[in-house]
Amino acid sequence: MTMPAPLVAFDELITFLAASPSAEAIMAYRPSQDLQDRLSELLEKNRQGQLSTEENAELDEFLRMNRFMSRLQARAKQHLG
């Protein structure tokens, strides 16, 4: 059984952070291409008003993780000066 995309994204993020990345690496972090593609798909379906309840929850999780990473990257940028 494959994991839902938000769980994959969370797992990728935890693996990345567990490696104690530098501030530069945090600034450069991007999710895998598969996850970026899934997010694009969900965003397009959302624009068209065609998200199912499950997809809406999935999009919410992606957006929550995106906000977390944006804040982390902002802190990393401050740390770099």
PDB file of N, CA and C in Angstrom:
ATOM      1  N   MET A   1       0.851  -1.181   0.000  1.00  0.00           N
ATOM      2  CA  MET A   1       0.000   0.000   0.000  1.00  0.00           C
ATOM      3  C   MET A   1       0.894   1.240   0.000  1.00  0.00           C
ATOM      4  N   THR A   2       0.601   2.188  -0.889  1.00  0.00           N
ATOM      5  CA  THR A   2       1.371   3.424  -0.912  1.00  0.00           C
ATOM      6  C   THR A   2       0.792   4.409   0.096  1.00  0.00           C
ATOM      7  N   MET A   3       1.679   5.243   0.615  1.00  0.00           N
ATOM      8  CA  MET A   3       1.248   6.246   1.592  1.00  0.00           C
ATOM      9  C   MET A   3       0.584   7.412   0.869  1.00  0.00           C
ATOM     10  N   PRO A   4      -0.402   8.042   1.501  1.00  0.00           N
ATOM     11  CA  PRO A   4      -0.983   9.255   0.926  1.00  0.00           C
ATOM     12  C   PRO A   4       0.099  10.332   0.785  1.00  0.00           C
ATOM     13  N   ALA A   5      -0.043  11.173  -0.221  1.00  0.00           N
ATOM     14  CA  ALA A   5       0.972  12.185  -0.515  1.00  0.00           C
ATOM     15  C   ALA A   5       1.355  13.051   0.685  1.00  0.00           C
ATOM     16  N   PRO A   6       0.404  13.519   1.521  1.00  0.00           N
ATOM     17  CA  PRO A   6       0.840  14.328   2.672  1.00  0.00           C
ATOM     18  C   PRO A   6       1.737  13.551   3.637  1.00  0.00           C
ATOM     19  N   LEU A   7       1.492  12.246   3.792  1.00  0.00           N
ATOM     20  CA  LEU A   7       2.357  11.460   4.664  1.00  0.00           C
ATOM     21  C   LEU A   7       3.743  11.300   4.047  1.00  0.00           C
ATOM     22  N   VAL A   8       3.791  11.146   2.739  1.00  0.00           N
ATOM     23  CA  VAL A   8       5.075  11.079   2.040  1.00  0.00           C
ATOM     24  C   VAL A   8       5.810  12.406   2.221  1.00  0.00           C
ATOM     25  N   ALA A   9       5.099  13.514   2.059  1.00  0.00           N
ATOM     26  CA  ALA A   9       5.710  14.834   2.213  1.00  0.00           C
ATOM     27  C   ALA A   9       6.237  15.017   3.629  1.00  0.00           C
ATOM     28  N   PHE A  10       5.442  14.627   4.611  1.00  0.00           N
ATOM     29  CA  PHE A  10       5.860  14.745   6.002  1.00  0.00           C
ATOM     30  C   PHE A  10       7.092  13.882   6.262  1.00  0.00           C
ATOM     31  N   ASP A  11       7.090  12.659   5.725  1.00  0.00           N
ATOM     32  CA  ASP A  11       8.226  11.757   5.891  1.00  0.00           C
ATOM     33  C   ASP A  11       9.484  12.340   5.239  1.00  0.00           C
ATOM     34  N   GLU A  12       9.341  12.899   4.050  1.00  0.00           N
ATOM     35  CA  GLU A  12      10.482  13.535   3.378  1.00  0.00           C
ATOM     36  C   GLU A  12      11.028  14.680   4.224  1.00  0.00           C
ATOM     37  N   LEU A  13      10.130  15.482   4.769  1.00  0.00           N
ATOM     38  CA  LEU A  13      10.534  16.628   5.566  1.00  0.00           C
ATOM     39  C   LEU A  13      11.241  16.189   6.849  1.00  0.00           C
ATOM     40  N   ILE A  14      10.716  15.198   7.519  1.00  0.00           N
ATOM     41  CA  ILE A  14      11.343  14.687   8.742  1.00  0.00           C
ATOM     42  C   ILE A  14      12.734  14.129   8.437  1.00  0.00           C
ATOM     43  N   THR A  15      12.850  13.383   7.357  1.00  0.00           N
ATOM     44  CA  THR A  15      14.150  12.828   6.961  1.00  0.00           C
ATOM     45  C   THR A  15      15.144  13.948   6.686  1.00  0.00           C
ATOM     46  N   PHE A  16      14.704  14.963   5.985  1.00  0.00           N
ATOM     47  CA  PHE A  16      15.559  16.117   5.689  1.00  0.00           C
ATOM     48  C   PHE A  16      16.016  16.806   6.977  1.00  0.00           C
ATOM     49  N   LEU A  17      15.090  17.084   7.877  1.00  0.00           N
ATOM     50  CA  LEU A  17      15.427  17.805   9.108  1.00  0.00           C
ATOM     51  C   LEU A  17      16.260  16.952  10.060  1.00  0.00           C
ATOM     52  N   ALA A  18      16.054  15.650  10.052  1.00  0.00           N
ATOM     53  CA  ALA A  18      16.813  14.754  10.926  1.00  0.00           C
ATOM     54  C   ALA A  18      18.291  14.719  10.546  1.00  0.00           C
ATOM     55  N   ALA A  19      18.607  15.120   9.339  1.00  0.00           N
ATOM     56  CA  ALA A  19      19.996  15.140   8.878  1.00  0.00           C
ATOM     57  C   ALA A  19      20.726  16.417   9.307  1.00  0.00           C
ATOM     58  N   SER A  20      20.087  17.239  10.133  1.00  0.00           N
ATOM     59  CA  SER A  20      20.669  18.504  10.611  1.00  0.00           C
ATOM     60  C   SER A  20      21.202  19.358   9.465  1.00  0.00           C
ATOM     61  N   PRO A  21      20.311  19.771   8.575  1.00  0.00           N
ATOM     62  CA  PRO A  21      20.756  20.541   7.416  1.00  0.00           C
ATOM     63  C   PRO A  21      21.277  21.922   7.814  1.00  0.00           C
ATOM     64  N   SER A  22      22.158  22.456   6.992  1.00  0.00           N
ATOM     65  CA  SER A  22      22.662  23.815   7.198  1.00  0.00           C
ATOM     66  C   SER A  22      21.552  24.813   6.857  1.00  0.00           C
ATOM     67  N   ALA A  23      21.748  26.054   7.256  1.00  0.00           N
ATOM     68  CA  ALA A  23      20.777  27.096   6.914  1.00  0.00           C
ATOM     69  C   ALA A  23      20.648  27.214   5.397  1.00  0.00           C
ATOM     70  N   GLU A  24      21.762  27.065   4.697  1.00  0.00           N
ATOM     71  CA  GLU A  24      21.736  27.131   3.236  1.00  0.00           C
ATOM     72  C   GLU A  24      20.895  25.997   2.642  1.00  0.00           C
ATOM     73  N   ALA A  25      21.047  24.791   3.205  1.00  0.00           N
ATOM     74  CA  ALA A  25      20.274  23.652   2.717  1.00  0.00           C
ATOM     75  C   ALA A  25      18.783  23.844   3.000  1.00  0.00           C
ATOM     76  N   ILE A  26      18.469  24.416   4.146  1.00  0.00           N
ATOM     77  CA  ILE A  26      17.061  24.696   4.471  1.00  0.00           C
ATOM     78  C   ILE A  26      16.487  25.682   3.468  1.00  0.00           C
ATOM     79  N   MET A  27      17.246  26.698   3.150  1.00  0.00           N
ATOM     80  CA  MET A  27      16.780  27.706   2.187  1.00  0.00           C
ATOM     81  C   MET A  27      16.540  27.080   0.804  1.00  0.00           C
ATOM     82  N   ALA A  28      17.354  26.096   0.450  1.00  0.00           N
ATOM     83  CA  ALA A  28      17.272  25.492  -0.878  1.00  0.00           C
ATOM     84  C   ALA A  28      16.289  24.322  -0.954  1.00  0.00           C
ATOM     85  N   TYR A  29      15.724  23.899   0.176  1.00  0.00           N
ATOM     86  CA  TYR A  29      14.869  22.708   0.210  1.00  0.00           C
ATOM     87  C   TYR A  29      13.662  22.857  -0.713  1.00  0.00           C
ATOM     88  N   ARG A  30      13.414  21.786  -1.452  1.00  0.00           N
ATOM     89  CA  ARG A  30      12.210  21.657  -2.267  1.00  0.00           C
ATOM     90  C   ARG A  30      11.726  20.218  -2.136  1.00  0.00           C
ATOM     91  N   PRO A  31      10.417  20.009  -2.082  1.00  0.00           N
ATOM     92  CA  PRO A  31       9.908  18.638  -2.034  1.00  0.00           C
ATOM     93  C   PRO A  31      10.216  17.910  -3.342  1.00  0.00           C
ATOM     94  N   SER A  32      10.081  16.600  -3.313  1.00  0.00           N
ATOM     95  CA  SER A  32      10.341  15.799  -4.512  1.00  0.00           C
ATOM     96  C   SER A  32       9.426  16.241  -5.658  1.00  0.00           C
ATOM     97  N   GLN A  33       9.850  15.913  -6.857  1.00  0.00           N
ATOM     98  CA  GLN A  33       9.056  16.275  -8.043  1.00  0.00           C
ATOM     99  C   GLN A  33       7.685  15.627  -8.006  1.00  0.00           C
ATOM    100  N   ASP A  34       7.600  14.389  -7.525  1.00  0.00           N
ATOM    101  CA  ASP A  34       6.295  13.720  -7.425  1.00  0.00           C
ATOM    102  C   ASP A  34       5.343  14.501  -6.530  1.00  0.00           C
ATOM    103  N   LEU A  35       5.847  14.990  -5.406  1.00  0.00           N
ATOM    104  CA  LEU A  35       4.990  15.760  -4.499  1.00  0.00           C
ATOM    105  C   LEU A  35       4.626  17.114  -5.101  1.00  0.00           C
ATOM    106  N   GLN A  36       5.574  17.756  -5.771  1.00  0.00           N
ATOM    107  CA  GLN A  36       5.266  19.026  -6.428  1.00  0.00           C
ATOM    108  C   GLN A  36       4.190  18.831  -7.499  1.00  0.00           C
ATOM    109  N   ASP A  37       4.291  17.724  -8.247  1.00  0.00           N
ATOM    110  CA  ASP A  37       3.288  17.424  -9.270  1.00  0.00           C
ATOM    111  C   ASP A  37       1.915  17.194  -8.647  1.00  0.00           C
ATOM    112  N   ARG A  38       1.873  16.452  -7.527  1.00  0.00           N
ATOM    113  CA  ARG A  38       0.586  16.197  -6.863  1.00  0.00           C
ATOM    114  C   ARG A  38      -0.015  17.491  -6.342  1.00  0.00           C
ATOM    115  N   LEU A  39       0.803  18.348  -5.770  1.00  0.00           N
ATOM    116  CA  LEU A  39       0.300  19.628  -5.282  1.00  0.00           C
ATOM    117  C   LEU A  39      -0.255  20.460  -6.431  1.00  0.00           C
ATOM    118  N   SER A  40       0.449  20.494  -7.541  1.00  0.00           N
ATOM    119  CA  SER A  40      -0.041  21.231  -8.713  1.00  0.00           C
ATOM    120  C   SER A  40      -1.389  20.696  -9.183  1.00  0.00           C
ATOM    121  N   GLU A  41      -1.519  19.369  -9.168  1.00  0.00           N
ATOM    122  CA  GLU A  41      -2.778  18.741  -9.559  1.00  0.00           C
ATOM    123  C   GLU A  41      -3.914  19.158  -8.623  1.00  0.00           C
ATOM    124  N   LEU A  42      -3.641  19.126  -7.332  1.00  0.00           N
ATOM    125  CA  LEU A  42      -4.669  19.513  -6.361  1.00  0.00           C
ATOM    126  C   LEU A  42      -5.038  20.985  -6.496  1.00  0.00           C
ATOM    127  N   LEU A  43      -4.043  21.825  -6.691  1.00  0.00           N
ATOM    128  CA  LEU A  43      -4.320  23.262  -6.845  1.00  0.00           C
ATOM    129  C   LEU A  43      -5.167  23.530  -8.081  1.00  0.00           C
ATOM    130  N   GLU A  44      -4.877  22.833  -9.168  1.00  0.00           N
ATOM    131  CA  GLU A  44      -5.668  23.005 -10.391  1.00  0.00           C
ATOM    132  C   GLU A  44      -7.106  22.537 -10.175  1.00  0.00           C
ATOM    133  N   LYS A  45      -7.279  21.379  -9.543  1.00  0.00           N
ATOM    134  CA  LYS A  45      -8.629  20.898  -9.259  1.00  0.00           C
ATOM    135  C   LYS A  45      -9.367  21.866  -8.336  1.00  0.00           C
ATOM    136  N   ASN A  46      -8.639  22.470  -7.390  1.00  0.00           N
ATOM    137  CA  ASN A  46      -9.249  23.443  -6.488  1.00  0.00           C
ATOM    138  C   ASN A  46      -9.708  24.674  -7.270  1.00  0.00           C
ATOM    139  N   ARG A  47      -8.881  25.163  -8.188  1.00  0.00           N
ATOM    140  CA  ARG A  47      -9.268  26.319  -9.011  1.00  0.00           C
ATOM    141  C   ARG A  47     -10.519  26.028  -9.821  1.00  0.00           C
ATOM    142  N   GLN A  48     -10.656  24.772 -10.239  1.00  0.00           N
ATOM    143  CA  GLN A  48     -11.814  24.373 -11.040  1.00  0.00           C
ATOM    144  C   GLN A  48     -13.016  23.981 -10.183  1.00  0.00           C
ATOM    145  N   GLY A  49     -12.833  24.007  -8.850  1.00  0.00           N
ATOM    146  CA  GLY A  49     -13.924  23.639  -7.948  1.00  0.00           C
ATOM    147  C   GLY A  49     -14.258  22.160  -7.996  1.00  0.00           C
ATOM    148  N   GLN A  50     -13.258  21.304  -8.258  1.00  0.00           N
ATOM    149  CA  GLN A  50     -13.510  19.880  -8.432  1.00  0.00           C
ATOM    150  C   GLN A  50     -12.839  19.000  -7.380  1.00  0.00           C
ATOM    151  N   LEU A  51     -12.443  19.564  -6.248  1.00  0.00           N
ATOM    152  CA  LEU A  51     -11.800  18.760  -5.199  1.00  0.00           C
ATOM    153  C   LEU A  51     -12.823  17.937  -4.436  1.00  0.00           C
ATOM    154  N   SER A  52     -12.487  16.681  -4.204  1.00  0.00           N
ATOM    155  CA  SER A  52     -13.313  15.855  -3.323  1.00  0.00           C
ATOM    156  C   SER A  52     -12.990  16.249  -1.878  1.00  0.00           C
ATOM    157  N   THR A  53     -13.741  15.749  -0.944  1.00  0.00           N
ATOM    158  CA  THR A  53     -13.483  16.015   0.468  1.00  0.00           C
ATOM    159  C   THR A  53     -12.097  15.534   0.862  1.00  0.00           C
ATOM    160  N   GLU A  54     -11.731  14.339   0.389  1.00  0.00           N
ATOM    161  CA  GLU A  54     -10.412  13.775   0.704  1.00  0.00           C
ATOM    162  C   GLU A  54      -9.295  14.618   0.095  1.00  0.00           C
ATOM    163  N   GLU A  55      -9.497  15.059  -1.141  1.00  0.00           N
ATOM    164  CA  GLU A  55      -8.486  15.887  -1.798  1.00  0.00           C
ATOM    165  C   GLU A  55      -8.363  17.241  -1.114  1.00  0.00           C
ATOM    166  N   ASN A  56      -9.464  17.778  -0.630  1.00  0.00           N
ATOM    167  CA  ASN A  56      -9.420  19.042   0.087  1.00  0.00           C
ATOM    168  C   ASN A  56      -8.600  18.902   1.363  1.00  0.00           C
ATOM    169  N   ALA A  57      -8.787  17.797   2.074  1.00  0.00           N
ATOM    170  CA  ALA A  57      -8.001  17.537   3.286  1.00  0.00           C
ATOM    171  C   ALA A  57      -6.522  17.370   2.924  1.00  0.00           C
ATOM    172  N   GLU A  58      -6.253  16.692   1.820  1.00  0.00           N
ATOM    173  CA  GLU A  58      -4.878  16.491   1.355  1.00  0.00           C
ATOM    174  C   GLU A  58      -4.234  17.843   1.022  1.00  0.00           C
ATOM    175  N   LEU A  59      -4.961  18.699   0.328  1.00  0.00           N
ATOM    176  CA  LEU A  59      -4.449  20.026  -0.008  1.00  0.00           C
ATOM    177  C   LEU A  59      -4.185  20.832   1.261  1.00  0.00           C
ATOM    178  N   ASP A  60      -5.074  20.760   2.235  1.00  0.00           N
ATOM    179  CA  ASP A  60      -4.873  21.460   3.506  1.00  0.00           C
ATOM    180  C   ASP A  60      -3.574  21.023   4.179  1.00  0.00           C
ATOM    181  N   GLU A  61      -3.289  19.718   4.153  1.00  0.00           N
ATOM    182  CA  GLU A  61      -2.046  19.214   4.756  1.00  0.00           C
ATOM    183  C   GLU A  61      -0.824  19.736   4.007  1.00  0.00           C
ATOM    184  N   PHE A  62      -0.879  19.722   2.691  1.00  0.00           N
ATOM    185  CA  PHE A  62       0.220  20.272   1.903  1.00  0.00           C
ATOM    186  C   PHE A  62       0.457  21.739   2.255  1.00  0.00           C
ATOM    187  N   LEU A  63      -0.612  22.499   2.336  1.00  0.00           N
ATOM    188  CA  LEU A  63      -0.485  23.929   2.626  1.00  0.00           C
ATOM    189  C   LEU A  63       0.051  24.164   4.033  1.00  0.00           C
ATOM    190  N   ARG A  64      -0.344  23.332   4.976  1.00  0.00           N
ATOM    191  CA  ARG A  64       0.165  23.435   6.350  1.00  0.00           C
ATOM    192  C   ARG A  64       1.680  23.199   6.373  1.00  0.00           C
ATOM    193  N   MET A  65       2.129  22.157   5.657  1.00  0.00           N
ATOM    194  CA  MET A  65       3.568  21.881   5.598  1.00  0.00           C
ATOM    195  C   MET A  65       4.311  22.991   4.861  1.00  0.00           C
ATOM    196  N   ASN A  66       3.690  23.560   3.851  1.00  0.00           N
ATOM    197  CA  ASN A  66       4.305  24.653   3.117  1.00  0.00           C
ATOM    198  C   ASN A  66       4.494  25.875   4.010  1.00  0.00           C
ATOM    199  N   ARG A  67       3.492  26.184   4.819  1.00  0.00           N
ATOM    200  CA  ARG A  67       3.619  27.315   5.749  1.00  0.00           C
ATOM    201  C   ARG A  67       4.748  27.065   6.749  1.00  0.00           C
ATOM    202  N   PHE A  68       4.848  25.832   7.247  1.00  0.00           N
ATOM    203  CA  PHE A  68       5.921  25.477   8.172  1.00  0.00           C
ATOM    204  C   PHE A  68       7.282  25.701   7.526  1.00  0.00           C
ATOM    205  N   MET A  69       7.449  25.179   6.311  1.00  0.00           N
ATOM    206  CA  MET A  69       8.748  25.317   5.635  1.00  0.00           C
ATOM    207  C   MET A  69       9.040  26.778   5.293  1.00  0.00           C
ATOM    208  N   SER A  70       8.039  27.532   4.937  1.00  0.00           N
ATOM    209  CA  SER A  70       8.252  28.950   4.645  1.00  0.00           C
ATOM    210  C   SER A  70       8.763  29.682   5.877  1.00  0.00           C
ATOM    211  N   ARG A  71       8.182  29.389   7.021  1.00  0.00           N
ATOM    212  CA  ARG A  71       8.642  30.017   8.270  1.00  0.00           C
ATOM    213  C   ARG A  71      10.051  29.563   8.622  1.00  0.00           C
ATOM    214  N   LEU A  72      10.329  28.266   8.448  1.00  0.00           N
ATOM    215  CA  LEU A  72      11.660  27.743   8.720  1.00  0.00           C
ATOM    216  C   LEU A  72      12.686  28.378   7.786  1.00  0.00           C
ATOM    217  N   GLN A  73      12.340  28.531   6.529  1.00  0.00           N
ATOM    218  CA  GLN A  73      13.266  29.147   5.580  1.00  0.00           C
ATOM    219  C   GLN A  73      13.487  30.621   5.900  1.00  0.00           C
ATOM    220  N   ALA A  74      12.462  31.301   6.375  1.00  0.00           N
ATOM    221  CA  ALA A  74      12.632  32.698   6.781  1.00  0.00           C
ATOM    222  C   ALA A  74      13.585  32.815   7.962  1.00  0.00           C
ATOM    223  N   ARG A  75      13.452  31.895   8.922  1.00  0.00           N
ATOM    224  CA  ARG A  75      14.370  31.895  10.063  1.00  0.00           C
ATOM    225  C   ARG A  75      15.800  31.584   9.613  1.00  0.00           C
ATOM    226  N   ALA A  76      15.947  30.652   8.693  1.00  0.00           N
ATOM    227  CA  ALA A  76      17.278  30.300   8.182  1.00  0.00           C
ATOM    228  C   ALA A  76      17.907  31.511   7.493  1.00  0.00           C
ATOM    229  N   LYS A  77      17.091  32.254   6.771  1.00  0.00           N
ATOM    230  CA  LYS A  77      17.589  33.457   6.084  1.00  0.00           C
ATOM    231  C   LYS A  77      18.054  34.489   7.100  1.00  0.00           C
ATOM    232  N   GLN A  78      17.292  34.670   8.177  1.00  0.00           N
ATOM    233  CA  GLN A  78      17.696  35.589   9.235  1.00  0.00           C
ATOM    234  C   GLN A  78      19.015  35.143   9.860  1.00  0.00           C
ATOM    235  N   HIS A  79      19.161  33.847  10.052  1.00  0.00           N
ATOM    236  CA  HIS A  79      20.367  33.294  10.652  1.00  0.00           C
ATOM    237  C   HIS A  79      21.598  33.577   9.796  1.00  0.00           C
ATOM    238  N   LEU A  80      21.390  33.562   8.464  1.00  0.00           N
ATOM    239  CA  LEU A  80      22.506  33.823   7.559  1.00  0.00           C
ATOM    240  C   LEU A  80      22.886  35.302   7.513  1.00  0.00           C
ATOM    241  N   GLY A  81      22.002  36.115   8.004  1.00  0.00           N
ATOM    242  CA  GLY A  81      22.341  37.532   8.091  1.00  0.00           C
ATOM    243  C   GLY A  81      21.586  38.343   7.148  1.00  0.00           C
TER     244      GLY A  81
END
